[in-house]
Protein backbone atom coordinates (compact mmCIF):
# COMPACT_ATOMS: atom_id res chain seq x y z
CA MET A 1 -11.96 42.29 0.43
CA THR A 2 -14.19 39.29 1.21
CA SER A 3 -15.92 37.82 -1.83
CA ILE A 4 -19.71 37.59 -1.87
CA ALA A 5 -21.38 34.46 -3.21
CA PRO A 6 -23.10 35.22 -6.53
CA ILE A 7 -26.81 34.65 -6.98
CA LEU A 8 -27.54 31.09 -8.09
CA PRO A 9 -29.69 30.90 -11.26
CA PRO A 10 -33.25 29.81 -10.29
CA LYS A 11 -33.17 27.00 -12.86
CA LEU A 12 -30.05 25.53 -11.28
CA LEU A 13 -31.46 25.84 -7.77
CA LEU A 14 -34.65 24.09 -8.85
CA TYR A 15 -32.57 21.28 -10.36
CA ILE A 16 -30.68 20.84 -7.09
CA LEU A 17 -33.92 20.67 -5.11
CA LYS A 18 -35.51 18.19 -7.49
CA ALA A 19 -32.58 15.93 -8.40
CA LYS A 20 -30.81 15.95 -5.02
CA ASN A 21 -27.53 15.63 -6.85
CA TYR A 22 -25.51 15.76 -3.64
CA GLY A 23 -22.10 14.64 -2.48
CA VAL A 24 -20.08 14.57 0.73
CA GLU A 25 -16.47 15.32 1.59
CA TYR A 26 -15.04 14.11 4.89
CA GLN A 27 -12.09 16.24 5.98
CA PRO A 28 -9.87 14.62 8.61
CA ILE A 29 -9.22 16.44 11.87
CA ILE A 30 -5.71 15.49 12.98
CA ALA A 31 -4.22 15.33 16.48
CA VAL A 32 -1.18 17.62 16.50
CA GLU A 33 0.87 15.48 18.88
CA THR A 34 0.37 12.10 17.16
CA LEU A 35 -0.73 13.10 13.62
CA GLU A 36 -3.48 10.49 13.91
CA VAL A 37 -7.05 11.07 12.75
CA PHE A 38 -9.13 12.28 15.67
CA ALA A 39 -12.37 12.96 13.79
CA TYR A 40 -13.85 13.86 10.41
CA GLU A 41 -15.84 16.91 9.39
CA ALA A 42 -18.66 16.19 6.94
CA LEU A 43 -18.98 18.88 4.25
CA SER A 44 -21.84 19.30 1.80
CA ARG A 45 -21.20 19.06 -1.92
CA PHE A 46 -23.59 19.91 -4.78
CA TYR A 47 -23.45 19.11 -8.50
CA ASP A 48 -25.20 20.33 -11.65
CA GLU A 49 -26.71 18.18 -14.40
CA ALA A 50 -23.25 17.49 -15.85
CA ASN A 51 -21.93 16.58 -12.37
CA ASN A 52 -19.84 19.75 -12.22
CA PRO A 53 -19.37 20.95 -8.63
CA ILE A 54 -21.34 23.96 -7.40
CA PRO A 55 -19.81 25.95 -4.52
CA PRO A 56 -21.84 25.03 -1.40
CA ASP A 57 -21.90 28.62 -0.12
CA HIS A 58 -23.66 29.68 -3.34
CA VAL A 59 -26.35 27.06 -2.78
CA TYR A 60 -26.92 27.85 0.88
CA LYS A 61 -26.99 31.59 0.24
CA ALA A 62 -29.77 31.05 -2.31
CA LEU A 63 -31.65 28.70 0.01
CA HIS A 64 -31.70 31.23 2.83
CA HIS A 65 -34.43 33.06 0.93
CA ASN A 66 -36.68 30.02 1.44
CA PRO A 67 -36.36 28.62 4.98
CA LEU A 68 -38.39 25.46 4.33
CA SER A 69 -36.28 24.54 1.31
CA LEU A 70 -33.16 25.27 3.36
CA PHE A 71 -34.45 22.94 6.07
CA GLN A 72 -35.22 20.15 3.57
CA VAL A 73 -31.85 20.33 1.85
CA GLU A 74 -29.93 20.54 5.12
CA LEU A 75 -31.78 17.55 6.59
CA ALA A 76 -31.20 15.48 3.43
CA GLN A 77 -27.52 16.41 3.51
CA LYS A 78 -27.21 15.39 7.15
CA LYS A 79 -28.82 12.00 6.46
CA LEU A 80 -26.35 11.48 3.63
CA GLN A 81 -23.37 12.60 5.71
CA LEU A 82 -24.22 10.26 8.59
CA LYS A 83 -24.97 7.33 6.29
CA HIS A 84 -21.55 7.34 4.59
CA ALA A 85 -19.37 8.57 7.47
CA PRO A 86 -16.17 6.70 8.37
CA LYS A 87 -17.22 4.55 11.30
CA ASN A 88 -15.86 4.73 14.83
CA PHE A 89 -14.64 8.32 14.53
CA LYS A 90 -16.13 11.48 15.93
CA LEU A 91 -18.08 13.23 13.19
CA PHE A 92 -18.31 17.02 13.06
CA VAL A 93 -21.39 18.24 11.18
CA ASN A 94 -22.31 21.84 10.37
CA LEU A 95 -25.81 22.93 11.30
CA ASP A 96 -27.07 26.32 10.19
CA GLN A 97 -29.18 28.07 12.84
CA ASP A 98 -31.78 29.06 10.23
CA SER A 99 -32.03 25.44 9.04
CA TYR A 100 -32.64 24.21 12.56
CA PHE A 101 -35.28 26.78 13.49
CA ALA A 102 -37.06 26.59 10.11
CA TYR A 103 -38.76 23.49 11.53
CA GLY A 104 -40.77 25.79 13.77
CA ASP A 105 -38.98 25.81 17.14
CA ASP A 106 -39.13 29.12 18.96
CA VAL A 107 -35.92 31.10 19.32
CA THR A 108 -36.46 31.19 23.08
CA GLU A 109 -35.57 29.24 26.18
CA GLN A 110 -38.83 27.34 25.66
CA SER A 111 -37.27 25.51 22.70
CA VAL A 112 -34.74 23.93 25.05
CA THR A 113 -37.44 21.97 26.86
CA ALA A 114 -39.74 21.31 23.94
CA THR A 115 -41.24 17.83 24.07
CA GLU A 116 -41.33 17.29 20.31
CA LEU A 117 -37.85 16.56 19.01
CA ASN A 118 -36.51 18.61 16.15
CA PRO A 119 -35.73 16.23 13.22
CA PHE A 120 -32.03 17.12 13.41
CA ILE A 121 -31.88 16.13 17.08
CA ARG A 122 -33.74 12.90 16.35
CA LEU A 123 -31.35 12.10 13.51
CA PHE A 124 -28.28 12.65 15.69
CA LEU A 125 -29.66 10.61 18.58
CA GLU A 126 -30.60 7.67 16.35
CA HIS A 127 -27.18 7.53 14.70
CA GLY A 128 -25.01 4.96 16.45
CA ASP A 129 -21.86 4.69 14.32
CA ASN A 130 -20.24 7.99 15.32
CA GLU A 131 -20.20 10.46 18.17
CA ILE A 132 -21.71 13.60 16.67
CA VAL A 133 -20.26 17.05 17.29
CA VAL A 134 -22.48 19.85 15.96
CA GLU A 135 -20.65 22.87 14.55
CA LEU A 136 -22.27 26.27 14.76
CA ILE A 137 -21.03 29.17 12.69
CA GLU A 138 -19.88 32.29 14.50
CA ASN A 139 -21.21 35.40 12.77
CA SER A 140 -22.09 39.04 13.27
CA GLU A 141 -25.84 38.85 13.90
CA ILE A 142 -27.05 39.17 17.50
CA ASN A 143 -30.14 37.09 16.73
CA ASP A 144 -27.96 34.31 15.30
CA ALA A 145 -25.94 34.30 18.52
CA LYS A 146 -29.16 33.89 20.51
CA MET A 147 -30.23 31.01 18.27
CA SER A 148 -26.81 29.42 18.61
CA LEU A 149 -26.98 29.63 22.39
CA ASN A 150 -30.39 27.97 22.49
CA MET A 151 -29.24 25.25 20.09
CA ILE A 152 -26.15 24.57 22.21
CA LYS A 153 -28.24 24.26 25.37
CA LEU A 154 -30.63 21.87 23.67
CA MET A 155 -27.80 19.76 22.25
CA ALA A 156 -26.21 19.60 25.70
CA SER A 157 -29.48 18.40 27.22
CA TYR A 158 -29.18 15.35 24.93
CA ASN A 159 -25.42 14.94 25.52
CA ILE A 160 -24.58 16.09 22.00
CA ARG A 161 -21.30 18.01 21.99
CA THR A 162 -20.87 21.26 20.09
CA ALA A 163 -18.15 23.28 18.38
CA LEU A 164 -17.94 26.94 17.47
CA ASP A 165 -16.65 27.39 13.93
CA ASP A 166 -15.02 30.32 12.11
CA ILE A 167 -13.46 32.01 15.13
CA CYS A 168 -11.50 35.03 13.79
CA ASN A 169 -13.20 34.94 10.41
CA ASP A 170 -13.20 38.55 9.20
CA GLN A 171 -17.01 38.49 8.85
CA SER A 172 -17.74 37.26 12.37
CA MET A 173 -17.97 38.75 15.83
CA LEU A 174 -17.26 36.73 18.95
CA SER A 175 -20.13 35.95 21.32
CA THR A 176 -18.58 35.17 24.69
CA ALA A 177 -21.84 33.54 25.87
CA VAL A 178 -21.70 31.08 22.97
CA LEU A 179 -17.96 30.55 23.36
CA GLU A 180 -18.43 29.61 27.01
CA GLN A 181 -20.93 26.83 26.21
CA VAL A 182 -19.21 24.87 23.42
CA ASP A 183 -16.80 21.93 23.77
CA PHE A 184 -14.56 22.71 20.77
CA ILE A 185 -13.23 26.02 19.45
CA LYS A 186 -12.36 26.07 15.74
CA PHE A 187 -10.11 28.84 14.49
CA ASP A 188 -10.65 30.07 10.93
CA ARG A 189 -7.89 29.90 8.29
CA PHE A 190 -7.54 33.65 8.86
CA VAL A 191 -5.28 32.74 11.81
CA VAL A 192 -2.86 30.83 9.56
CA LEU A 193 -2.85 33.67 7.03
CA ASN A 194 -1.89 36.09 9.81
CA LYS A 195 0.66 33.92 11.59
CA HIS A 196 3.33 36.62 11.26
CA ASN A 197 1.14 39.29 12.87
CA SER A 198 2.50 39.40 16.42
CA SER A 199 -0.23 41.71 17.76
CA PHE A 200 -2.99 39.50 16.37
CA LEU A 201 -1.36 36.39 17.83
CA LEU A 202 -1.61 37.86 21.33
CA LEU A 203 -5.39 37.51 21.06
CA ILE A 204 -5.18 33.99 19.61
CA LYS A 205 -2.86 32.83 22.37
CA ALA A 206 -5.20 34.29 24.98
CA LEU A 207 -8.15 32.38 23.50
CA ILE A 208 -6.13 29.16 23.41
CA SER A 209 -5.10 29.69 27.03
CA TYR A 210 -8.76 30.23 27.94
CA ALA A 211 -9.74 27.01 26.15
CA GLN A 212 -7.09 25.02 28.02
CA GLU A 213 -8.16 26.42 31.39
CA ALA A 214 -11.84 25.81 30.61
CA GLY A 215 -11.33 22.22 29.43
CA LYS A 216 -12.17 22.93 25.80
CA LYS A 217 -10.29 21.59 22.77
CA THR A 218 -8.96 23.76 19.95
CA ILE A 219 -8.86 23.10 16.21
CA LEU A 220 -6.95 25.18 13.65
CA GLU A 221 -8.37 25.16 10.12
CA GLY A 222 -6.51 26.00 6.91
CA VAL A 223 -3.36 23.97 7.62
CA GLU A 224 -1.92 23.42 4.13
CA THR A 225 1.87 23.15 4.62
CA ASP A 226 4.37 21.66 7.03
CA GLU A 227 5.15 25.23 8.10
CA ASP A 228 1.49 25.69 9.06
CA LEU A 229 1.66 22.51 11.14
CA VAL A 230 4.76 23.75 12.96
CA PHE A 231 2.89 27.00 13.61
CA ALA A 232 -0.04 25.06 15.12
CA LYS A 233 2.31 23.13 17.40
CA ALA A 234 3.92 26.36 18.57
CA LEU A 235 0.47 27.69 19.51
CA ASN A 236 -0.31 24.51 21.51
CA ILE A 237 -3.33 23.79 19.31
CA ASP A 238 -4.90 20.37 19.96
CA TYR A 239 -6.06 19.48 16.44
CA VAL A 240 -5.57 20.71 12.88
CA GLN A 241 -7.54 20.49 9.66
CA GLY A 242 -6.74 21.46 6.07
CA PHE A 243 -5.46 20.48 2.64
CA LEU A 244 -2.22 19.10 4.11
CA PHE A 245 -4.33 16.04 4.97
CA LYS A 246 -6.18 14.07 2.30
CA PRO A 247 -9.99 14.12 2.54
CA GLN A 248 -12.36 11.27 1.74
CA PHE A 249 -15.05 11.82 -0.91
CA VAL A 250 -18.45 10.28 -1.51
CA SER A 251 -19.19 11.37 -5.05
CA ALA A 252 -22.44 12.34 -6.77
CA PRO A 253 -24.94 11.51 -8.09
CA SER A 254 -26.62 8.30 -6.86
CA PHE A 255 -27.40 7.95 -3.18
CA GLY A 256 -30.98 6.72 -3.25
CA LEU A 257 -32.30 9.76 -1.40
């Protein structure tokens, strides 16, 4: 059974919003063939008054009840992530659809040609130290898929590449329209956990074959052991990510935000 993030106490959420006690973790994305770092994924980190870590999913779940607060926190996190990123590597950044559209863009084709730049787009375009790849989360809501598709089209219009995250997560459903538009396909750790399920692997191999034929790159998350890495090689995955490879941290609390 999938765990559900508990409700964050209002006092703690207010502290996070006021103190901006944030951190960043940069997880390396490794080329399977060479074992060299191909890119980094920037991950949000939050801390309480004693600098104890707070699970990010708990924070974002609470923030979804207030879209403007979600937008403000997400934008501050992105500024922090870009500021401290390892230079001269591709940088994968997560961008929640609700965060993006909380700024006021319509969830329609009109948003693709809007003349006023969304602050996230402006931030990515002004950043010169890394090539940005925007990760969108695959999930089960039809409206989210529509938002993702519009975001992808807008990113593409500014030559910003995109990735689809959490493929095969047990809470997501696959939108083929979204899958067709992205440059990178990221498979959830669920694939590693089910590596001995031969029927399930038929689907994964078909998706990898599609990616290769369509000129897309694949990334397998949740690689924690040498056995997992061998599994990724056998699947002809392009890149891997997980605890087998040491991340870089930028710790809380002082970032001058």
